[in-house]
Each structure stands twice: as C-alpha cells, then as structure tokens.
Amino acid sequence: MDWAEARNWTQLPRVSQLYHEDHIQVALTAWNDSLRTRIRTAYEPCYHRDAGDEWHQVEYRNYLLDQVETKAHKEFALATLIHRYEHLSEELAAQRFGKAVVEKALRVAKNCMGLINPCQSLLIIELQHSTH
C-alpha cells in the first residue's frame, strides 16, 4: 500500500495489477519485514493454550515456537505469546528455550508490559517451593 501511495494511486490496486515483477518483489519484501518484526497469531479461541491438543492446535503452537526462534530477543516474543495472548504455556516454552529464557519473559511481562501478577506464574510458584 505504501508503494501505491508513493505513486499517488487513488484506488487500491487490483489483483491483476500486482502481477508485475516489481510489485511482487515489493510485496515480498514488506511481508518478510513484517515477519521479522511481528509475531503472527490466530484470533480463534480454539488456539488458546488451554483449548486442547488437537493436531491443528499442536501444529499452531509449533508454528509459534518456530517464529520465536527467529527473533533476536526471544524473551519479548515469549512474554507476548505466554502472558499477553496466552497462546503458549510456560512449560512448553521452557522445553524449547529453557527455563532461563522463560524466566526472562516473565520479568519482561511483569516489568515492561505490566501484564501479570507474579504470584500467578507457575515458574514463580515452582521457584518459591524449591527454595523452601
């Protein structure tokens, strides 16, 4: 859309107008830039972390974990997916990235995002029990 606006187009491009090689390249570049900076999540409630373990839900969680792998700061991505959208569990994230990264994500969610009460986190409860 930025490409069309920069060329003073007053209407949205039609599909047939997007088949030129330069248009395809612009769209691919924009999509790849978006993938590097944002996490794509589903809006349907069936993809909430507690919704079930059907094959498509498991594949969706793996897709999210794969997205986190590409991020430079995994703790921010995990904070978003675990505590903001509630699409991943702390346990699943810890299996893939380790407890230290999930603990950083918990701190990010608490300190930067203001999303959670730390007493509600399973890791904090687990850490409190292990120190007593």
N, C-alpha and C. Protein backbone atom coordinates (compact mmCIF):
# COMPACT_ATOMS: atom_id res chain seq x y z
N MET A 1 0.83 -1.18 0.00
CA MET A 1 0.00 0.00 0.00
C MET A 1 0.87 1.25 0.00
N ASP A 2 1.96 1.20 0.74
CA ASP A 2 2.87 2.35 0.72
C ASP A 2 3.40 2.59 -0.68
N TRP A 3 3.66 1.48 -1.39
CA TRP A 3 4.16 1.57 -2.76
C TRP A 3 3.15 2.30 -3.63
N ALA A 4 1.85 1.93 -3.50
CA ALA A 4 0.80 2.57 -4.30
C ALA A 4 0.64 4.04 -3.91
N GLU A 5 0.70 4.33 -2.63
CA GLU A 5 0.57 5.72 -2.18
C GLU A 5 1.74 6.57 -2.67
N ALA A 6 2.93 6.01 -2.68
CA ALA A 6 4.09 6.76 -3.14
C ALA A 6 3.98 7.12 -4.62
N ARG A 7 3.17 6.37 -5.35
CA ARG A 7 2.96 6.64 -6.76
C ARG A 7 1.65 7.39 -7.01
N ASN A 8 1.07 7.92 -5.91
CA ASN A 8 -0.15 8.73 -5.96
C ASN A 8 -1.35 8.00 -6.53
N TRP A 9 -1.42 6.71 -6.31
CA TRP A 9 -2.60 5.96 -6.72
C TRP A 9 -3.73 6.37 -5.79
N THR A 10 -4.90 6.57 -6.33
CA THR A 10 -6.04 7.00 -5.52
C THR A 10 -6.97 5.84 -5.17
N GLN A 11 -6.75 4.67 -5.78
CA GLN A 11 -7.57 3.49 -5.50
C GLN A 11 -6.66 2.31 -5.18
N LEU A 12 -7.22 1.35 -4.51
CA LEU A 12 -6.45 0.14 -4.21
C LEU A 12 -6.10 -0.56 -5.51
N PRO A 13 -4.91 -1.16 -5.57
CA PRO A 13 -4.56 -1.89 -6.80
C PRO A 13 -5.43 -3.13 -6.95
N ARG A 14 -5.76 -3.45 -8.18
CA ARG A 14 -6.49 -4.68 -8.48
C ARG A 14 -5.50 -5.83 -8.50
N VAL A 15 -6.00 -7.03 -8.36
CA VAL A 15 -5.14 -8.21 -8.33
C VAL A 15 -4.30 -8.28 -9.59
N SER A 16 -4.90 -8.00 -10.73
CA SER A 16 -4.16 -8.08 -11.99
C SER A 16 -3.01 -7.08 -12.05
N GLN A 17 -3.08 -6.03 -11.26
CA GLN A 17 -2.02 -5.04 -11.24
C GLN A 17 -0.86 -5.44 -10.33
N LEU A 18 -1.03 -6.50 -9.59
CA LEU A 18 0.01 -6.92 -8.67
C LEU A 18 0.88 -8.04 -9.23
N TYR A 19 0.69 -8.38 -10.50
CA TYR A 19 1.47 -9.46 -11.08
C TYR A 19 2.78 -9.01 -11.71
N HIS A 20 3.04 -7.74 -11.76
CA HIS A 20 4.30 -7.29 -12.29
C HIS A 20 5.41 -7.67 -11.32
N GLU A 21 6.56 -7.97 -11.85
CA GLU A 21 7.68 -8.45 -11.03
C GLU A 21 8.04 -7.46 -9.92
N ASP A 22 8.04 -6.16 -10.21
CA ASP A 22 8.40 -5.19 -9.18
C ASP A 22 7.36 -5.13 -8.08
N HIS A 23 6.09 -5.36 -8.42
CA HIS A 23 5.05 -5.38 -7.40
C HIS A 23 5.21 -6.60 -6.49
N ILE A 24 5.52 -7.72 -7.10
CA ILE A 24 5.70 -8.95 -6.32
C ILE A 24 6.88 -8.78 -5.36
N GLN A 25 7.95 -8.20 -5.86
CA GLN A 25 9.13 -8.01 -5.02
C GLN A 25 8.84 -7.06 -3.85
N VAL A 26 8.09 -6.00 -4.12
CA VAL A 26 7.72 -5.06 -3.06
C VAL A 26 6.86 -5.75 -2.01
N ALA A 27 5.90 -6.55 -2.46
CA ALA A 27 5.02 -7.27 -1.52
C ALA A 27 5.81 -8.28 -0.70
N LEU A 28 6.71 -9.02 -1.34
CA LEU A 28 7.53 -10.00 -0.61
C LEU A 28 8.44 -9.33 0.40
N THR A 29 9.04 -8.23 0.03
CA THR A 29 9.90 -7.50 0.95
C THR A 29 9.12 -7.01 2.15
N ALA A 30 7.94 -6.45 1.91
CA ALA A 30 7.11 -5.96 3.01
C ALA A 30 6.68 -7.11 3.91
N TRP A 31 6.30 -8.24 3.33
CA TRP A 31 5.88 -9.40 4.12
C TRP A 31 7.04 -9.91 4.97
N ASN A 32 8.22 -10.04 4.39
CA ASN A 32 9.38 -10.54 5.13
C ASN A 32 9.78 -9.57 6.24
N ASP A 33 9.71 -8.27 5.98
CA ASP A 33 9.99 -7.28 7.03
C ASP A 33 8.99 -7.42 8.17
N SER A 34 7.74 -7.64 7.81
CA SER A 34 6.71 -7.81 8.83
C SER A 34 6.95 -9.06 9.67
N LEU A 35 7.37 -10.14 9.02
CA LEU A 35 7.66 -11.38 9.75
C LEU A 35 8.82 -11.21 10.72
N ARG A 36 9.80 -10.40 10.36
CA ARG A 36 10.95 -10.19 11.25
C ARG A 36 10.58 -9.39 12.49
N THR A 37 9.58 -8.53 12.37
CA THR A 37 9.27 -7.62 13.47
C THR A 37 8.01 -7.99 14.25
N ARG A 38 7.14 -8.79 13.70
CA ARG A 38 5.88 -9.11 14.37
C ARG A 38 5.69 -10.61 14.45
N ILE A 39 4.89 -11.01 15.41
CA ILE A 39 4.53 -12.42 15.54
C ILE A 39 3.11 -12.56 15.03
N ARG A 40 2.91 -13.51 14.15
CA ARG A 40 1.58 -13.77 13.60
C ARG A 40 0.86 -14.74 14.52
N THR A 41 -0.30 -14.32 15.02
CA THR A 41 -1.09 -15.17 15.90
C THR A 41 -2.50 -15.31 15.37
N ALA A 42 -3.14 -16.39 15.78
CA ALA A 42 -4.53 -16.64 15.40
C ALA A 42 -5.46 -15.91 16.37
N TYR A 43 -6.65 -15.60 15.90
CA TYR A 43 -7.63 -14.92 16.74
C TYR A 43 -8.68 -15.88 17.30
N GLU A 44 -8.77 -17.07 16.76
CA GLU A 44 -9.80 -18.01 17.18
C GLU A 44 -9.51 -18.52 18.58
N PRO A 45 -10.54 -18.63 19.42
CA PRO A 45 -10.34 -19.11 20.79
C PRO A 45 -9.83 -20.54 20.87
N CYS A 46 -9.99 -21.32 19.83
CA CYS A 46 -9.52 -22.71 19.88
C CYS A 46 -8.00 -22.80 19.93
N TYR A 47 -7.31 -21.68 19.73
CA TYR A 47 -5.85 -21.69 19.79
C TYR A 47 -5.30 -21.14 21.10
N HIS A 48 -6.16 -20.91 22.06
CA HIS A 48 -5.73 -20.54 23.41
C HIS A 48 -4.97 -21.72 23.99
N ARG A 49 -3.99 -21.47 24.84
CA ARG A 49 -3.11 -22.54 25.33
C ARG A 49 -3.86 -23.67 26.04
N ASP A 50 -5.01 -23.40 26.62
CA ASP A 50 -5.76 -24.42 27.34
C ASP A 50 -6.92 -25.00 26.53
N ALA A 51 -6.97 -24.69 25.24
CA ALA A 51 -8.13 -25.09 24.44
C ALA A 51 -8.11 -26.56 24.03
N GLY A 52 -6.97 -27.19 24.05
CA GLY A 52 -6.93 -28.60 23.69
C GLY A 52 -5.65 -28.98 22.98
N ASP A 53 -5.59 -30.24 22.57
CA ASP A 53 -4.38 -30.75 21.92
C ASP A 53 -4.72 -31.46 20.61
N GLU A 54 -5.63 -30.90 19.85
CA GLU A 54 -5.91 -31.43 18.51
C GLU A 54 -4.68 -31.18 17.63
N TRP A 55 -4.57 -31.92 16.55
CA TRP A 55 -3.38 -31.82 15.70
C TRP A 55 -3.13 -30.40 15.22
N HIS A 56 -4.20 -29.67 14.86
CA HIS A 56 -4.01 -28.31 14.35
C HIS A 56 -3.58 -27.35 15.46
N GLN A 57 -3.97 -27.62 16.70
CA GLN A 57 -3.54 -26.79 17.82
C GLN A 57 -2.07 -27.03 18.14
N VAL A 58 -1.66 -28.27 18.08
CA VAL A 58 -0.25 -28.61 18.31
C VAL A 58 0.61 -28.00 17.21
N GLU A 59 0.16 -28.10 15.96
CA GLU A 59 0.91 -27.52 14.84
C GLU A 59 0.99 -26.00 14.98
N TYR A 60 -0.09 -25.38 15.44
CA TYR A 60 -0.08 -23.93 15.64
C TYR A 60 0.94 -23.54 16.70
N ARG A 61 0.99 -24.28 17.80
CA ARG A 61 1.98 -23.98 18.85
C ARG A 61 3.40 -24.15 18.33
N ASN A 62 3.62 -25.18 17.52
CA ASN A 62 4.95 -25.37 16.92
C ASN A 62 5.29 -24.21 15.98
N TYR A 63 4.29 -23.74 15.24
CA TYR A 63 4.48 -22.58 14.37
C TYR A 63 4.89 -21.35 15.18
N LEU A 64 4.24 -21.14 16.33
CA LEU A 64 4.60 -20.02 17.18
C LEU A 64 6.03 -20.16 17.72
N LEU A 65 6.37 -21.36 18.16
CA LEU A 65 7.72 -21.60 18.67
C LEU A 65 8.77 -21.38 17.58
N ASP A 66 8.44 -21.78 16.35
CA ASP A 66 9.36 -21.53 15.24
C ASP A 66 9.53 -20.04 14.98
N GLN A 67 8.45 -19.27 15.14
CA GLN A 67 8.55 -17.82 14.98
C GLN A 67 9.46 -17.22 16.05
N VAL A 68 9.32 -17.70 17.27
CA VAL A 68 10.15 -17.19 18.37
C VAL A 68 11.63 -17.47 18.08
N GLU A 69 11.92 -18.63 17.48
CA GLU A 69 13.30 -18.99 17.14
C GLU A 69 13.97 -17.93 16.29
N THR A 70 13.20 -17.25 15.44
CA THR A 70 13.78 -16.28 14.51
C THR A 70 14.02 -14.91 15.14
N LYS A 71 13.54 -14.70 16.35
CA LYS A 71 13.64 -13.38 16.98
C LYS A 71 14.96 -13.23 17.72
N ALA A 72 15.50 -12.03 17.69
CA ALA A 72 16.75 -11.74 18.39
C ALA A 72 16.55 -11.75 19.90
N HIS A 73 15.40 -11.25 20.35
CA HIS A 73 15.08 -11.19 21.78
C HIS A 73 13.90 -12.11 22.05
N LYS A 74 14.21 -13.36 22.24
CA LYS A 74 13.17 -14.37 22.41
C LYS A 74 12.29 -14.10 23.63
N GLU A 75 12.86 -13.48 24.66
CA GLU A 75 12.07 -13.24 25.88
C GLU A 75 10.90 -12.30 25.62
N PHE A 76 11.06 -11.34 24.72
CA PHE A 76 9.95 -10.43 24.41
C PHE A 76 8.86 -11.16 23.64
N ALA A 77 9.26 -11.99 22.69
CA ALA A 77 8.29 -12.76 21.93
C ALA A 77 7.54 -13.74 22.84
N LEU A 78 8.27 -14.40 23.73
CA LEU A 78 7.62 -15.34 24.64
C LEU A 78 6.71 -14.63 25.63
N ALA A 79 7.12 -13.47 26.12
CA ALA A 79 6.25 -12.71 27.02
C ALA A 79 4.92 -12.40 26.35
N THR A 80 4.99 -12.05 25.09
CA THR A 80 3.78 -11.74 24.33
C THR A 80 2.91 -12.98 24.16
N LEU A 81 3.52 -14.09 23.77
CA LEU A 81 2.74 -15.30 23.49
C LEU A 81 2.24 -16.01 24.74
N ILE A 82 3.00 -15.93 25.82
CA ILE A 82 2.61 -16.63 27.05
C ILE A 82 1.65 -15.77 27.87
N HIS A 83 2.01 -14.51 28.08
CA HIS A 83 1.28 -13.71 29.05
C HIS A 83 0.28 -12.72 28.44
N ARG A 84 0.54 -12.26 27.23
CA ARG A 84 -0.40 -11.31 26.63
C ARG A 84 -1.51 -12.03 25.88
N TYR A 85 -1.12 -12.90 24.93
CA TYR A 85 -2.13 -13.60 24.13
C TYR A 85 -2.54 -14.93 24.74
N GLU A 86 -1.73 -15.47 25.64
CA GLU A 86 -1.99 -16.75 26.29
C GLU A 86 -2.15 -17.88 25.29
N HIS A 87 -1.25 -17.92 24.31
CA HIS A 87 -1.28 -18.98 23.31
C HIS A 87 -0.30 -20.10 23.62
N LEU A 88 0.73 -19.81 24.42
CA LEU A 88 1.71 -20.83 24.79
C LEU A 88 1.75 -20.97 26.30
N SER A 89 2.07 -22.16 26.76
CA SER A 89 2.26 -22.37 28.19
C SER A 89 3.73 -22.15 28.53
N GLU A 90 3.99 -21.83 29.77
CA GLU A 90 5.37 -21.66 30.23
C GLU A 90 6.14 -22.97 30.09
N GLU A 91 5.47 -24.09 30.35
CA GLU A 91 6.13 -25.39 30.29
C GLU A 91 6.60 -25.70 28.87
N LEU A 92 5.73 -25.46 27.89
CA LEU A 92 6.08 -25.73 26.50
C LEU A 92 7.24 -24.84 26.05
N ALA A 93 7.18 -23.58 26.42
CA ALA A 93 8.26 -22.65 26.06
C ALA A 93 9.57 -23.06 26.73
N ALA A 94 9.50 -23.51 27.99
CA ALA A 94 10.71 -23.92 28.71
C ALA A 94 11.33 -25.17 28.08
N GLN A 95 10.50 -26.07 27.57
CA GLN A 95 11.03 -27.25 26.89
C GLN A 95 11.87 -26.87 25.68
N ARG A 96 11.42 -25.86 24.97
CA ARG A 96 12.11 -25.47 23.73
C ARG A 96 13.27 -24.50 23.97
N PHE A 97 13.10 -23.55 24.91
CA PHE A 97 14.07 -22.47 25.07
C PHE A 97 14.80 -22.48 26.41
N GLY A 98 14.37 -23.32 27.32
CA GLY A 98 14.99 -23.39 28.63
C GLY A 98 14.31 -22.47 29.64
N LYS A 99 14.46 -22.82 30.90
CA LYS A 99 13.81 -22.06 31.97
C LYS A 99 14.32 -20.63 32.08
N ALA A 100 15.60 -20.42 31.82
CA ALA A 100 16.18 -19.08 31.97
C ALA A 100 15.52 -18.08 31.03
N VAL A 101 15.26 -18.48 29.79
CA VAL A 101 14.63 -17.57 28.83
C VAL A 101 13.18 -17.32 29.23
N VAL A 102 12.49 -18.36 29.71
CA VAL A 102 11.09 -18.19 30.13
C VAL A 102 11.02 -17.30 31.37
N GLU A 103 11.99 -17.41 32.26
CA GLU A 103 12.02 -16.52 33.43
C GLU A 103 12.24 -15.07 33.01
N LYS A 104 13.11 -14.86 32.00
CA LYS A 104 13.29 -13.50 31.46
C LYS A 104 11.98 -13.00 30.86
N ALA A 105 11.27 -13.88 30.16
CA ALA A 105 9.98 -13.50 29.58
C ALA A 105 8.98 -13.10 30.66
N LEU A 106 9.02 -13.81 31.78
CA LEU A 106 8.16 -13.47 32.91
C LEU A 106 8.48 -12.09 33.44
N ARG A 107 9.78 -11.78 33.57
CA ARG A 107 10.18 -10.45 34.04
C ARG A 107 9.78 -9.37 33.04
N VAL A 108 9.92 -9.65 31.76
CA VAL A 108 9.50 -8.68 30.73
C VAL A 108 8.00 -8.43 30.83
N ALA A 109 7.24 -9.49 30.97
CA ALA A 109 5.78 -9.34 31.07
C ALA A 109 5.39 -8.53 32.29
N LYS A 110 6.09 -8.76 33.38
CA LYS A 110 5.78 -8.06 34.62
C LYS A 110 6.27 -6.61 34.60
N ASN A 111 7.52 -6.41 34.25
CA ASN A 111 8.13 -5.09 34.37
C ASN A 111 7.87 -4.17 33.19
N CYS A 112 7.90 -4.72 31.99
CA CYS A 112 7.76 -3.87 30.80
C CYS A 112 6.33 -3.79 30.29
N MET A 113 5.62 -4.89 30.39
CA MET A 113 4.27 -4.93 29.84
C MET A 113 3.19 -4.75 30.90
N GLY A 114 3.56 -4.95 32.16
CA GLY A 114 2.59 -4.82 33.23
C GLY A 114 1.41 -5.77 33.09
N LEU A 115 1.68 -6.97 32.59
CA LEU A 115 0.59 -7.87 32.23
C LEU A 115 0.16 -8.84 33.31
N ILE A 116 1.07 -9.22 34.21
CA ILE A 116 0.72 -10.32 35.11
C ILE A 116 1.03 -9.98 36.55
N ASN A 117 0.36 -10.69 37.40
CA ASN A 117 0.68 -10.70 38.81
C ASN A 117 1.68 -11.84 38.99
N PRO A 118 2.88 -11.57 39.46
CA PRO A 118 3.89 -12.63 39.51
C PRO A 118 3.49 -13.83 40.33
N CYS A 119 2.56 -13.69 41.24
CA CYS A 119 2.12 -14.84 42.04
C CYS A 119 1.33 -15.83 41.20
N GLN A 120 0.84 -15.41 40.04
CA GLN A 120 0.06 -16.31 39.19
C GLN A 120 0.93 -17.16 38.29
N SER A 121 2.20 -16.87 38.19
CA SER A 121 3.07 -17.60 37.30
C SER A 121 3.46 -18.94 37.90
N LEU A 122 3.40 -19.97 37.09
CA LEU A 122 3.79 -21.30 37.56
C LEU A 122 5.27 -21.36 37.90
N LEU A 123 6.10 -20.67 37.15
CA LEU A 123 7.54 -20.71 37.43
C LEU A 123 7.87 -20.06 38.76
N ILE A 124 7.23 -18.96 39.07
CA ILE A 124 7.50 -18.29 40.36
C ILE A 124 7.03 -19.19 41.50
N ILE A 125 5.87 -19.79 41.35
CA ILE A 125 5.37 -20.68 42.39
C ILE A 125 6.33 -21.86 42.54
N GLU A 126 6.81 -22.40 41.40
CA GLU A 126 7.75 -23.51 41.45
C GLU A 126 9.06 -23.09 42.11
N LEU A 127 9.55 -21.92 41.79
CA LEU A 127 10.79 -21.44 42.39
C LEU A 127 10.64 -21.20 43.89
N GLN A 128 9.48 -20.71 44.30
CA GLN A 128 9.25 -20.49 45.73
C GLN A 128 9.25 -21.82 46.49
N HIS A 129 8.66 -22.84 45.89
CA HIS A 129 8.63 -24.15 46.55
C HIS A 129 10.02 -24.80 46.59
N SER A 130 10.81 -24.58 45.56
CA SER A 130 12.12 -25.22 45.52
C SER A 130 13.11 -24.56 46.47
N THR A 131 12.86 -23.31 46.88
CA THR A 131 13.79 -22.64 47.79
C THR A 131 13.46 -22.89 49.25
N HIS A 132 12.31 -23.47 49.52
CA HIS A 132 11.91 -23.72 50.93
C HIS A 132 12.29 -25.12 51.35
